[in-house]
Amino acid sequence: MIIENSGVKGLKSDLAHLDEVTTSLGFVRWQWEYTRATYDLKIEDEAAGGDYFLRVNTRAESGKLESPYAILYIEDVYIGKATFPHGLDYQSPIPDAIMNVAKKKLAELKTQLSQ
């Protein structure tokens, strides 16, 4: 599911700062290539026993991801349930508790990138 009105879509940052901020919030830069990267945050649903991933998609506006000075902008933000062996189901319903954690992390990300 795409999280509409995430508050972070369109924000820009250099790669080094974005890596630093996302890492401090618990995100990991998983997929990346020369002009795009995704940052994932694993959220565990202890009540129901599932795992969810909050995924922030970014794209280079200038430079390439080889350089810490590349400027990236945030595109859509997704959340999905982890499936075995590896994948995300973007269609399954997201529990309120998980969505609240995701929105809190996005608010923290917005605050840190807006400073």
PDB file of N, CA and C in Angstrom:
ATOM      1  N   MET A   1       0.842  -1.163   0.000  1.00  0.00           N
ATOM      2  CA  MET A   1       0.000   0.000   0.000  1.00  0.00           C
ATOM      3  C   MET A   1       0.892   1.232   0.000  1.00  0.00           C
ATOM      4  N   ILE A   2       0.532   2.175  -0.821  1.00  0.00           N
ATOM      5  CA  ILE A   2       1.226   3.453  -0.825  1.00  0.00           C
ATOM      6  C   ILE A   2       0.665   4.285   0.320  1.00  0.00           C
ATOM      7  N   ILE A   3       1.548   4.876   1.094  1.00  0.00           N
ATOM      8  CA  ILE A   3       1.119   5.751   2.183  1.00  0.00           C
ATOM      9  C   ILE A   3       0.980   7.158   1.606  1.00  0.00           C
ATOM     10  N   GLU A   4      -0.256   7.572   1.429  1.00  0.00           N
ATOM     11  CA  GLU A   4      -0.532   8.905   0.911  1.00  0.00           C
ATOM     12  C   GLU A   4      -0.268   9.930   2.014  1.00  0.00           C
ATOM     13  N   ASN A   5       0.091  11.120   1.638  1.00  0.00           N
ATOM     14  CA  ASN A   5       0.347  12.206   2.598  1.00  0.00           C
ATOM     15  C   ASN A   5       1.361  11.796   3.668  1.00  0.00           C
ATOM     16  N   SER A   6       2.444  11.163   3.230  1.00  0.00           N
ATOM     17  CA  SER A   6       3.472  10.705   4.170  1.00  0.00           C
ATOM     18  C   SER A   6       4.237  11.869   4.790  1.00  0.00           C
ATOM     19  N   GLY A   7       4.223  13.001   4.106  1.00  0.00           N
ATOM     20  CA  GLY A   7       4.962  14.159   4.599  1.00  0.00           C
ATOM     21  C   GLY A   7       6.407  14.192   4.149  1.00  0.00           C
ATOM     22  N   VAL A   8       6.890  13.100   3.563  1.00  0.00           N
ATOM     23  CA  VAL A   8       8.286  13.067   3.139  1.00  0.00           C
ATOM     24  C   VAL A   8       8.445  13.059   1.627  1.00  0.00           C
ATOM     25  N   LYS A   9       7.387  12.773   0.909  1.00  0.00           N
ATOM     26  CA  LYS A   9       7.473  12.729  -0.553  1.00  0.00           C
ATOM     27  C   LYS A   9       7.899  14.105  -1.075  1.00  0.00           C
ATOM     28  N   GLY A  10       8.939  14.093  -1.908  1.00  0.00           N
ATOM     29  CA  GLY A  10       9.446  15.337  -2.477  1.00  0.00           C
ATOM     30  C   GLY A  10      10.593  15.959  -1.714  1.00  0.00           C
ATOM     31  N   LEU A  11      10.861  15.501  -0.481  1.00  0.00           N
ATOM     32  CA  LEU A  11      12.001  16.039   0.274  1.00  0.00           C
ATOM     33  C   LEU A  11      13.298  15.631  -0.417  1.00  0.00           C
ATOM     34  N   LYS A  12      14.315  16.488  -0.303  1.00  0.00           N
ATOM     35  CA  LYS A  12      15.606  16.231  -0.934  1.00  0.00           C
ATOM     36  C   LYS A  12      16.707  16.219   0.118  1.00  0.00           C
ATOM     37  N   SER A  13      17.738  15.439  -0.173  1.00  0.00           N
ATOM     38  CA  SER A  13      18.883  15.352   0.727  1.00  0.00           C
ATOM     39  C   SER A  13      20.063  14.792  -0.047  1.00  0.00           C
ATOM     40  N   ASP A  14      21.274  15.127   0.418  1.00  0.00           N
ATOM     41  CA  ASP A  14      22.422  14.448  -0.170  1.00  0.00           C
ATOM     42  C   ASP A  14      22.486  13.037   0.413  1.00  0.00           C
ATOM     43  N   LEU A  15      23.119  12.156  -0.326  1.00  0.00           N
ATOM     44  CA  LEU A  15      23.157  10.741   0.038  1.00  0.00           C
ATOM     45  C   LEU A  15      23.742  10.514   1.428  1.00  0.00           C
ATOM     46  N   ALA A  16      24.838  11.181   1.754  1.00  0.00           N
ATOM     47  CA  ALA A  16      25.500  10.978   3.046  1.00  0.00           C
ATOM     48  C   ALA A  16      24.559  11.330   4.202  1.00  0.00           C
ATOM     49  N   HIS A  17      23.880  12.460   4.092  1.00  0.00           N
ATOM     50  CA  HIS A  17      22.964  12.878   5.158  1.00  0.00           C
ATOM     51  C   HIS A  17      21.760  11.949   5.236  1.00  0.00           C
ATOM     52  N   LEU A  18      21.208  11.566   4.080  1.00  0.00           N
ATOM     53  CA  LEU A  18      20.054  10.665   4.063  1.00  0.00           C
ATOM     54  C   LEU A  18      20.417   9.320   4.677  1.00  0.00           C
ATOM     55  N   ASP A  19      21.590   8.802   4.346  1.00  0.00           N
ATOM     56  CA  ASP A  19      22.050   7.539   4.941  1.00  0.00           C
ATOM     57  C   ASP A  19      22.174   7.666   6.461  1.00  0.00           C
ATOM     58  N   GLU A  20      22.745   8.772   6.913  1.00  0.00           N
ATOM     59  CA  GLU A  20      22.944   8.992   8.348  1.00  0.00           C
ATOM     60  C   GLU A  20      21.603   9.073   9.090  1.00  0.00           C
ATOM     61  N   VAL A  21      20.678   9.855   8.553  1.00  0.00           N
ATOM     62  CA  VAL A  21      19.375  10.038   9.201  1.00  0.00           C
ATOM     63  C   VAL A  21      18.581   8.735   9.205  1.00  0.00           C
ATOM     64  N   THR A  22      18.508   8.073   8.064  1.00  0.00           N
ATOM     65  CA  THR A  22      17.717   6.845   8.000  1.00  0.00           C
ATOM     66  C   THR A  22      18.310   5.751   8.885  1.00  0.00           C
ATOM     67  N   THR A  23      19.616   5.654   8.929  1.00  0.00           N
ATOM     68  CA  THR A  23      20.258   4.655   9.789  1.00  0.00           C
ATOM     69  C   THR A  23      19.941   4.928  11.259  1.00  0.00           C
ATOM     70  N   SER A  24      19.963   6.192  11.650  1.00  0.00           N
ATOM     71  CA  SER A  24      19.665   6.533  13.051  1.00  0.00           C
ATOM     72  C   SER A  24      18.215   6.197  13.419  1.00  0.00           C
ATOM     73  N   LEU A  25      17.336   6.134  12.422  1.00  0.00           N
ATOM     74  CA  LEU A  25      15.926   5.806  12.665  1.00  0.00           C
ATOM     75  C   LEU A  25      15.634   4.315  12.513  1.00  0.00           C
ATOM     76  N   GLY A  26      16.650   3.537  12.150  1.00  0.00           N
ATOM     77  CA  GLY A  26      16.466   2.096  12.042  1.00  0.00           C
ATOM     78  C   GLY A  26      16.250   1.573  10.636  1.00  0.00           C
ATOM     79  N   PHE A  27      16.327   2.450   9.637  1.00  0.00           N
ATOM     80  CA  PHE A  27      16.177   2.020   8.249  1.00  0.00           C
ATOM     81  C   PHE A  27      17.487   1.424   7.740  1.00  0.00           C
ATOM     82  N   VAL A  28      17.371   0.593   6.715  1.00  0.00           N
ATOM     83  CA  VAL A  28      18.536   0.020   6.055  1.00  0.00           C
ATOM     84  C   VAL A  28      18.400   0.309   4.564  1.00  0.00           C
ATOM     85  N   ARG A  29      19.491   0.765   3.946  1.00  0.00           N
ATOM     86  CA  ARG A  29      19.456   0.949   2.488  1.00  0.00           C
ATOM     87  C   ARG A  29      19.702  -0.408   1.860  1.00  0.00           C
ATOM     88  N   TRP A  30      18.641  -1.008   1.334  1.00  0.00           N
ATOM     89  CA  TRP A  30      18.745  -2.353   0.757  1.00  0.00           C
ATOM     90  C   TRP A  30      19.055  -2.284  -0.719  1.00  0.00           C
ATOM     91  N   GLN A  31      18.043  -2.001  -1.506  1.00  0.00           N
ATOM     92  CA  GLN A  31      18.231  -1.990  -2.954  1.00  0.00           C
ATOM     93  C   GLN A  31      18.805  -0.646  -3.373  1.00  0.00           C
ATOM     94  N   TRP A  32      19.799  -0.695  -4.210  1.00  0.00           N
ATOM     95  CA  TRP A  32      20.298   0.550  -4.761  1.00  0.00           C
ATOM     96  C   TRP A  32      21.025   0.262  -6.063  1.00  0.00           C
ATOM     97  N   GLU A  33      20.997   1.259  -6.895  1.00  0.00           N
ATOM     98  CA  GLU A  33      21.744   1.232  -8.151  1.00  0.00           C
ATOM     99  C   GLU A  33      22.236   2.655  -8.366  1.00  0.00           C
ATOM    100  N   TYR A  34      22.680   2.989  -9.535  1.00  0.00           N
ATOM    101  CA  TYR A  34      23.311   4.293  -9.753  1.00  0.00           C
ATOM    102  C   TYR A  34      22.390   5.482  -9.501  1.00  0.00           C
ATOM    103  N   THR A  35      21.093   5.340  -9.792  1.00  0.00           N
ATOM    104  CA  THR A  35      20.216   6.507  -9.703  1.00  0.00           C
ATOM    105  C   THR A  35      19.051   6.353  -8.741  1.00  0.00           C
ATOM    106  N   ARG A  36      18.937   5.233  -8.049  1.00  0.00           N
ATOM    107  CA  ARG A  36      17.828   5.084  -7.109  1.00  0.00           C
ATOM    108  C   ARG A  36      18.235   4.180  -5.952  1.00  0.00           C
ATOM    109  N   ALA A  37      17.506   4.341  -4.848  1.00  0.00           N
ATOM    110  CA  ALA A  37      17.745   3.505  -3.669  1.00  0.00           C
ATOM    111  C   ALA A  37      16.442   3.375  -2.887  1.00  0.00           C
ATOM    112  N   THR A  38      16.321   2.283  -2.146  1.00  0.00           N
ATOM    113  CA  THR A  38      15.192   2.128  -1.241  1.00  0.00           C
ATOM    114  C   THR A  38      15.722   1.949   0.173  1.00  0.00           C
ATOM    115  N   TYR A  39      15.004   2.542   1.097  1.00  0.00           N
ATOM    116  CA  TYR A  39      15.337   2.434   2.519  1.00  0.00           C
ATOM    117  C   TYR A  39      14.183   1.691   3.190  1.00  0.00           C
ATOM    118  N   ASP A  40      14.502   0.598   3.876  1.00  0.00           N
ATOM    119  CA  ASP A  40      13.484  -0.246   4.489  1.00  0.00           C
ATOM    120  C   ASP A  40      13.604  -0.237   6.003  1.00  0.00           C
ATOM    121  N   LEU A  41      12.451  -0.218   6.650  1.00  0.00           N
ATOM    122  CA  LEU A  41      12.367  -0.329   8.100  1.00  0.00           C
ATOM    123  C   LEU A  41      11.494  -1.522   8.429  1.00  0.00           C
ATOM    124  N   LYS A  42      12.043  -2.469   9.155  1.00  0.00           N
ATOM    125  CA  LYS A  42      11.282  -3.649   9.564  1.00  0.00           C
ATOM    126  C   LYS A  42      10.490  -3.310  10.825  1.00  0.00           C
ATOM    127  N   ILE A  43       9.195  -3.597  10.784  1.00  0.00           N
ATOM    128  CA  ILE A  43       8.316  -3.386  11.933  1.00  0.00           C
ATOM    129  C   ILE A  43       7.699  -4.733  12.281  1.00  0.00           C
ATOM    130  N   GLU A  44       7.969  -5.204  13.481  1.00  0.00           N
ATOM    131  CA  GLU A  44       7.462  -6.511  13.900  1.00  0.00           C
ATOM    132  C   GLU A  44       6.108  -6.361  14.587  1.00  0.00           C
ATOM    133  N   ASP A  45       5.172  -7.217  14.188  1.00  0.00           N
ATOM    134  CA  ASP A  45       3.847  -7.265  14.808  1.00  0.00           C
ATOM    135  C   ASP A  45       3.879  -8.377  15.848  1.00  0.00           C
ATOM    136  N   GLU A  46       4.200  -8.006  17.071  1.00  0.00           N
ATOM    137  CA  GLU A  46       4.330  -9.006  18.133  1.00  0.00           C
ATOM    138  C   GLU A  46       2.994  -9.645  18.483  1.00  0.00           C
ATOM    139  N   ALA A  47       1.898  -8.911  18.325  1.00  0.00           N
ATOM    140  CA  ALA A  47       0.571  -9.441  18.660  1.00  0.00           C
ATOM    141  C   ALA A  47       0.167 -10.563  17.709  1.00  0.00           C
ATOM    142  N   ALA A  48       0.340 -10.355  16.406  1.00  0.00           N
ATOM    143  CA  ALA A  48      -0.107 -11.338  15.416  1.00  0.00           C
ATOM    144  C   ALA A  48       1.043 -12.179  14.860  1.00  0.00           C
ATOM    145  N   GLY A  49       2.270 -11.777  15.155  1.00  0.00           N
ATOM    146  CA  GLY A  49       3.415 -12.565  14.718  1.00  0.00           C
ATOM    147  C   GLY A  49       3.870 -12.353  13.287  1.00  0.00           C
ATOM    148  N   GLY A  50       3.567 -11.220  12.685  1.00  0.00           N
ATOM    149  CA  GLY A  50       4.021 -10.952  11.321  1.00  0.00           C
ATOM    150  C   GLY A  50       5.042  -9.838  11.282  1.00  0.00           C
ATOM    151  N   ASP A  51       5.701  -9.718  10.152  1.00  0.00           N
ATOM    152  CA  ASP A  51       6.659  -8.633   9.935  1.00  0.00           C
ATOM    153  C   ASP A  51       6.169  -7.761   8.784  1.00  0.00           C
ATOM    154  N   TYR A  52       6.371  -6.463   8.940  1.00  0.00           N
ATOM    155  CA  TYR A  52       5.988  -5.489   7.929  1.00  0.00           C
ATOM    156  C   TYR A  52       7.209  -4.650   7.606  1.00  0.00           C
ATOM    157  N   PHE A  53       7.247  -4.133   6.390  1.00  0.00           N
ATOM    158  CA  PHE A  53       8.346  -3.275   5.990  1.00  0.00           C
ATOM    159  C   PHE A  53       7.810  -1.952   5.479  1.00  0.00           C
ATOM    160  N   LEU A  54       8.352  -0.898   6.029  1.00  0.00           N
ATOM    161  CA  LEU A  54       8.091   0.458   5.560  1.00  0.00           C
ATOM    162  C   LEU A  54       9.203   0.766   4.563  1.00  0.00           C
ATOM    163  N   ARG A  55       8.841   1.059   3.325  1.00  0.00           N
ATOM    164  CA  ARG A  55       9.825   1.257   2.260  1.00  0.00           C
ATOM    165  C   ARG A  55       9.745   2.681   1.721  1.00  0.00           C
ATOM    166  N   VAL A  56      10.877   3.361   1.756  1.00  0.00           N
ATOM    167  CA  VAL A  56      10.992   4.723   1.240  1.00  0.00           C
ATOM    168  C   VAL A  56      11.807   4.653  -0.051  1.00  0.00           C
ATOM    169  N   ASN A  57      11.178   5.016  -1.153  1.00  0.00           N
ATOM    170  CA  ASN A  57      11.851   5.015  -2.458  1.00  0.00           C
ATOM    171  C   ASN A  57      12.479   6.374  -2.718  1.00  0.00           C
ATOM    172  N   THR A  58      13.702   6.367  -3.216  1.00  0.00           N
ATOM    173  CA  THR A  58      14.392   7.608  -3.555  1.00  0.00           C
ATOM    174  C   THR A  58      14.965   7.516  -4.965  1.00  0.00           C
ATOM    175  N   ARG A  59      15.195   8.672  -5.558  1.00  0.00           N
ATOM    176  CA  ARG A  59      15.789   8.741  -6.890  1.00  0.00           C
ATOM    177  C   ARG A  59      16.776   9.905  -6.914  1.00  0.00           C
ATOM    178  N   ALA A  60      17.874   9.707  -7.630  1.00  0.00           N
ATOM    179  CA  ALA A  60      18.890  10.756  -7.715  1.00  0.00           C
ATOM    180  C   ALA A  60      18.410  11.890  -8.615  1.00  0.00           C
ATOM    181  N   GLU A  61      18.493  13.099  -8.095  1.00  0.00           N
ATOM    182  CA  GLU A  61      18.189  14.282  -8.890  1.00  0.00           C
ATOM    183  C   GLU A  61      19.455  14.758  -9.595  1.00  0.00           C
ATOM    184  N   SER A  62      20.570  14.640  -8.894  1.00  0.00           N
ATOM    185  CA  SER A  62      21.860  14.967  -9.501  1.00  0.00           C
ATOM    186  C   SER A  62      22.913  14.054  -8.901  1.00  0.00           C
ATOM    187  N   GLY A  63      23.871  13.679  -9.718  1.00  0.00           N
ATOM    188  CA  GLY A  63      24.919  12.781  -9.270  1.00  0.00           C
ATOM    189  C   GLY A  63      24.468  11.329  -9.316  1.00  0.00           C
ATOM    190  N   LYS A  64      25.358  10.465  -8.870  1.00  0.00           N
ATOM    191  CA  LYS A  64      25.070   9.035  -8.801  1.00  0.00           C
ATOM    192  C   LYS A  64      25.357   8.553  -7.390  1.00  0.00           C
ATOM    193  N   LEU A  65      24.786   7.428  -7.029  1.00  0.00           N
ATOM    194  CA  LEU A  65      24.908   6.939  -5.673  1.00  0.00           C
ATOM    195  C   LEU A  65      26.327   6.506  -5.300  1.00  0.00           C
ATOM    196  N   GLU A  66      27.239   6.581  -6.227  1.00  0.00           N
ATOM    197  CA  GLU A  66      28.639   6.334  -5.903  1.00  0.00           C
ATOM    198  C   GLU A  66      29.198   7.478  -5.068  1.00  0.00           C
ATOM    199  N   SER A  67      28.547   8.629  -5.131  1.00  0.00           N
ATOM    200  CA  SER A  67      29.037   9.833  -4.470  1.00  0.00           C
ATOM    201  C   SER A  67      28.163  10.198  -3.276  1.00  0.00           C
ATOM    202  N   PRO A  68      28.782  10.498  -2.120  1.00  0.00           N
ATOM    203  CA  PRO A  68      27.998  10.925  -0.962  1.00  0.00           C
ATOM    204  C   PRO A  68      27.330  12.284  -1.178  1.00  0.00           C
ATOM    205  N   TYR A  69      27.745  12.992  -2.230  1.00  0.00           N
ATOM    206  CA  TYR A  69      27.195  14.319  -2.523  1.00  0.00           C
ATOM    207  C   TYR A  69      26.015  14.276  -3.494  1.00  0.00           C
ATOM    208  N   ALA A  70      25.668  13.084  -3.965  1.00  0.00           N
ATOM    209  CA  ALA A  70      24.513  12.953  -4.861  1.00  0.00           C
ATOM    210  C   ALA A  70      23.268  13.463  -4.138  1.00  0.00           C
ATOM    211  N   ILE A  71      22.422  14.183  -4.858  1.00  0.00           N
ATOM    212  CA  ILE A  71      21.187  14.697  -4.278  1.00  0.00           C
ATOM    213  C   ILE A  71      20.055  13.752  -4.651  1.00  0.00           C
ATOM    214  N   LEU A  72      19.376  13.242  -3.630  1.00  0.00           N
ATOM    215  CA  LEU A  72      18.252  12.335  -3.832  1.00  0.00           C
ATOM    216  C   LEU A  72      16.963  13.007  -3.395  1.00  0.00           C
ATOM    217  N   TYR A  73      15.881  12.647  -4.045  1.00  0.00           N
ATOM    218  CA  TYR A  73      14.570  13.103  -3.592  1.00  0.00           C
ATOM    219  C   TYR A  73      13.724  11.874  -3.305  1.00  0.00           C
ATOM    220  N   ILE A  74      12.849  12.014  -2.341  1.00  0.00           N
ATOM    221  CA  ILE A  74      12.006  10.901  -1.917  1.00  0.00           C
ATOM    222  C   ILE A  74      10.787  10.831  -2.817  1.00  0.00           C
ATOM    223  N   GLU A  75      10.529   9.624  -3.294  1.00  0.00           N
ATOM    224  CA  GLU A  75       9.337   9.356  -4.090  1.00  0.00           C
ATOM    225  C   GLU A  75       8.266   8.775  -3.168  1.00  0.00           C
ATOM    226  N   ASP A  76       7.529   7.811  -3.660  1.00  0.00           N
ATOM    227  CA  ASP A  76       6.460   7.218  -2.857  1.00  0.00           C
ATOM    228  C   ASP A  76       6.995   6.403  -1.691  1.00  0.00           C
ATOM    229  N   VAL A  77       6.162   6.298  -0.670  1.00  0.00           N
ATOM    230  CA  VAL A  77       6.460   5.493   0.516  1.00  0.00           C
ATOM    231  C   VAL A  77       5.435   4.363   0.559  1.00  0.00           C
ATOM    232  N   TYR A  78       5.921   3.138   0.734  1.00  0.00           N
ATOM    233  CA  TYR A  78       5.070   1.961   0.745  1.00  0.00           C
ATOM    234  C   TYR A  78       5.154   1.254   2.087  1.00  0.00           C
ATOM    235  N   ILE A  79       4.136   0.457   2.391  1.00  0.00           N
ATOM    236  CA  ILE A  79       4.208  -0.462   3.517  1.00  0.00           C
ATOM    237  C   ILE A  79       3.579  -1.773   3.066  1.00  0.00           C
ATOM    238  N   GLY A  80       4.219  -2.867   3.437  1.00  0.00           N
ATOM    239  CA  GLY A  80       3.712  -4.171   3.050  1.00  0.00           C
ATOM    240  C   GLY A  80       4.087  -5.228   4.052  1.00  0.00           C
ATOM    241  N   LYS A  81       3.362  -6.327   3.991  1.00  0.00           N
ATOM    242  CA  LYS A  81       3.620  -7.462   4.881  1.00  0.00           C
ATOM    243  C   LYS A  81       4.659  -8.372   4.236  1.00  0.00           C
ATOM    244  N   ALA A  82       5.627  -8.808   5.039  1.00  0.00           N
ATOM    245  CA  ALA A  82       6.670  -9.701   4.546  1.00  0.00           C
ATOM    246  C   ALA A  82       6.062 -11.057   4.223  1.00  0.00           C
ATOM    247  N   THR A  83       6.493 -11.631   3.101  1.00  0.00           N
ATOM    248  CA  THR A  83       6.050 -12.959   2.696  1.00  0.00           C
ATOM    249  C   THR A  83       7.259 -13.870   2.557  1.00  0.00           C
ATOM    250  N   PHE A  84       7.033 -15.155   2.721  1.00  0.00           N
ATOM    251  CA  PHE A  84       8.108 -16.141   2.623  1.00  0.00           C
ATOM    252  C   PHE A  84       8.303 -16.532   1.169  1.00  0.00           C
ATOM    253  N   PRO A  85       9.486 -16.720   0.674  1.00  0.00           N
ATOM    254  CA  PRO A  85      10.755 -16.595   1.362  1.00  0.00           C
ATOM    255  C   PRO A  85      11.271 -15.159   1.394  1.00  0.00           C
ATOM    256  N   HIS A  86      10.933 -14.369   0.412  1.00  0.00           N
ATOM    257  CA  HIS A  86      11.342 -12.963   0.446  1.00  0.00           C
ATOM    258  C   HIS A  86      10.458 -12.190  -0.524  1.00  0.00           C
ATOM    259  N   GLY A  87       9.763 -11.241   0.014  1.00  0.00           N
ATOM    260  CA  GLY A  87       8.874 -10.423  -0.790  1.00  0.00           C
ATOM    261  C   GLY A  87       7.974  -9.606   0.114  1.00  0.00           C
ATOM    262  N   LEU A  88       7.212  -8.730  -0.483  1.00  0.00           N
ATOM    263  CA  LEU A  88       6.286  -7.897   0.272  1.00  0.00           C
ATOM    264  C   LEU A  88       4.914  -7.966  -0.378  1.00  0.00           C
ATOM    265  N   ASP A  89       3.893  -8.150   0.442  1.00  0.00           N
ATOM    266  CA  ASP A  89       2.515  -8.139  -0.012  1.00  0.00           C
ATOM    267  C   ASP A  89       1.962  -6.757   0.294  1.00  0.00           C
ATOM    268  N   TYR A  90       1.788  -5.957  -0.752  1.00  0.00           N
ATOM    269  CA  TYR A  90       1.305  -4.590  -0.570  1.00  0.00           C
ATOM    270  C   TYR A  90      -0.217  -4.507  -0.492  1.00  0.00           C
ATOM    271  N   GLN A  91      -0.899  -5.636  -0.689  1.00  0.00           N
ATOM    272  CA  GLN A  91      -2.359  -5.644  -0.702  1.00  0.00           C
ATOM    273  C   GLN A  91      -2.985  -6.022   0.634  1.00  0.00           C
ATOM    274  N   SER A  92      -2.239  -6.703   1.493  1.00  0.00           N
ATOM    275  CA  SER A  92      -2.819  -7.153   2.764  1.00  0.00           C
ATOM    276  C   SER A  92      -3.063  -5.961   3.690  1.00  0.00           C
ATOM    277  N   PRO A  93      -4.099  -6.069   4.534  1.00  0.00           N
ATOM    278  CA  PRO A  93      -4.405  -4.965   5.457  1.00  0.00           C
ATOM    279  C   PRO A  93      -3.279  -4.767   6.473  1.00  0.00           C
ATOM    280  N   ILE A  94      -3.078  -3.514   6.844  1.00  0.00           N
ATOM    281  CA  ILE A  94      -2.032  -3.167   7.807  1.00  0.00           C
ATOM    282  C   ILE A  94      -2.699  -2.867   9.145  1.00  0.00           C
ATOM    283  N   PRO A  95      -2.306  -3.581  10.213  1.00  0.00           N
ATOM    284  CA  PRO A  95      -2.889  -3.310  11.535  1.00  0.00           C
ATOM    285  C   PRO A  95      -2.620  -1.868  11.978  1.00  0.00           C
ATOM    286  N   ASP A  96      -3.551  -1.307  12.736  1.00  0.00           N
ATOM    287  CA  ASP A  96      -3.424   0.076  13.204  1.00  0.00           C
ATOM    288  C   ASP A  96      -2.133   0.310  13.979  1.00  0.00           C
ATOM    289  N   ALA A  97      -1.752  -0.647  14.821  1.00  0.00           N
ATOM    290  CA  ALA A  97      -0.534  -0.481  15.622  1.00  0.00           C
ATOM    291  C   ALA A  97       0.702  -0.350  14.725  1.00  0.00           C
ATOM    292  N   ILE A  98       0.747  -1.131  13.661  1.00  0.00           N
ATOM    293  CA  ILE A  98       1.877  -1.084  12.723  1.00  0.00           C
ATOM    294  C   ILE A  98       1.862   0.239  11.962  1.00  0.00           C
ATOM    295  N   MET A  99       0.678   0.652  11.546  1.00  0.00           N
ATOM    296  CA  MET A  99       0.551   1.909  10.807  1.00  0.00           C
ATOM    297  C   MET A  99       0.952   3.094  11.679  1.00  0.00           C
ATOM    298  N   ASN A 100       0.629   3.039  12.962  1.00  0.00           N
ATOM    299  CA  ASN A 100       1.018   4.118  13.880  1.00  0.00           C
ATOM    300  C   ASN A 100       2.535   4.210  14.014  1.00  0.00           C
ATOM    301  N   VAL A 101       3.198   3.063  14.099  1.00  0.00           N
ATOM    302  CA  VAL A 101       4.668   3.052  14.167  1.00  0.00           C
ATOM    303  C   VAL A 101       5.245   3.642  12.880  1.00  0.00           C
ATOM    304  N   ALA A 102       4.686   3.244  11.741  1.00  0.00           N
ATOM    305  CA  ALA A 102       5.171   3.733  10.451  1.00  0.00           C
ATOM    306  C   ALA A 102       5.006   5.250  10.344  1.00  0.00           C
ATOM    307  N   LYS A 103       3.850   5.755  10.734  1.00  0.00           N
ATOM    308  CA  LYS A 103       3.610   7.198  10.648  1.00  0.00           C
ATOM    309  C   LYS A 103       4.526   7.971  11.589  1.00  0.00           C
ATOM    310  N   LYS A 104       4.808   7.397  12.756  1.00  0.00           N
ATOM    311  CA  LYS A 104       5.720   8.051  13.703  1.00  0.00           C
ATOM    312  C   LYS A 104       7.130   8.132  13.111  1.00  0.00           C
ATOM    313  N   LYS A 105       7.583   7.046  12.510  1.00  0.00           N
ATOM    314  CA  LYS A 105       8.919   7.041  11.899  1.00  0.00           C
ATOM    315  C   LYS A 105       8.996   8.016  10.730  1.00  0.00           C
ATOM    316  N   LEU A 106       7.925   8.105   9.947  1.00  0.00           N
ATOM    317  CA  LEU A 106       7.917   9.048   8.831  1.00  0.00           C
ATOM    318  C   LEU A 106       7.942  10.488   9.334  1.00  0.00           C
ATOM    319  N   ALA A 107       7.244  10.752  10.426  1.00  0.00           N
ATOM    320  CA  ALA A 107       7.262  12.104  11.014  1.00  0.00           C
ATOM    321  C   ALA A 107       8.667  12.440  11.513  1.00  0.00           C
ATOM    322  N   GLU A 108       9.342  11.472  12.130  1.00  0.00           N
ATOM    323  CA  GLU A 108      10.712  11.686  12.593  1.00  0.00           C
ATOM    324  C   GLU A 108      11.648  11.919  11.408  1.00  0.00           C
ATOM    325  N   LEU A 109      11.451  11.151  10.340  1.00  0.00           N
ATOM    326  CA  LEU A 109      12.273  11.321   9.142  1.00  0.00           C
ATOM    327  C   LEU A 109      12.066  12.711   8.551  1.00  0.00           C
ATOM    328  N   LYS A 110      10.826  13.142   8.463  1.00  0.00           N
ATOM    329  CA  LYS A 110      10.527  14.471   7.932  1.00  0.00           C
ATOM    330  C   LYS A 110      11.191  15.554   8.776  1.00  0.00           C
ATOM    331  N   THR A 111      11.092  15.434  10.100  1.00  0.00           N
ATOM    332  CA  THR A 111      11.690  16.420  10.991  1.00  0.00           C
ATOM    333  C   THR A 111      13.204  16.498  10.795  1.00  0.00           C
ATOM    334  N   GLN A 112      13.849  15.351  10.751  1.00  0.00           N
ATOM    335  CA  GLN A 112      15.314  15.349  10.634  1.00  0.00           C
ATOM    336  C   GLN A 112      15.802  15.817   9.272  1.00  0.00           C
ATOM    337  N   LEU A 113      15.038  15.534   8.213  1.00  0.00           N
ATOM    338  CA  LEU A 113      15.452  15.982   6.894  1.00  0.00           C
ATOM    339  C   LEU A 113      15.124  17.440   6.643  1.00  0.00           C
ATOM    340  N   SER A 114      14.194  17.992   7.415  1.00  0.00           N
ATOM    341  CA  SER A 114      13.792  19.391   7.223  1.00  0.00           C
ATOM    342  C   SER A 114      14.662  20.365   8.008  1.00  0.00           C
ATOM    343  N   GLN A 115      15.557  19.862   8.823  1.00  0.00           N
ATOM    344  CA  GLN A 115      16.404  20.737   9.650  1.00  0.00           C
ATOM    345  C   GLN A 115      17.546  21.313   8.844  1.00  0.00           C
TER     346      GLN A 115
END
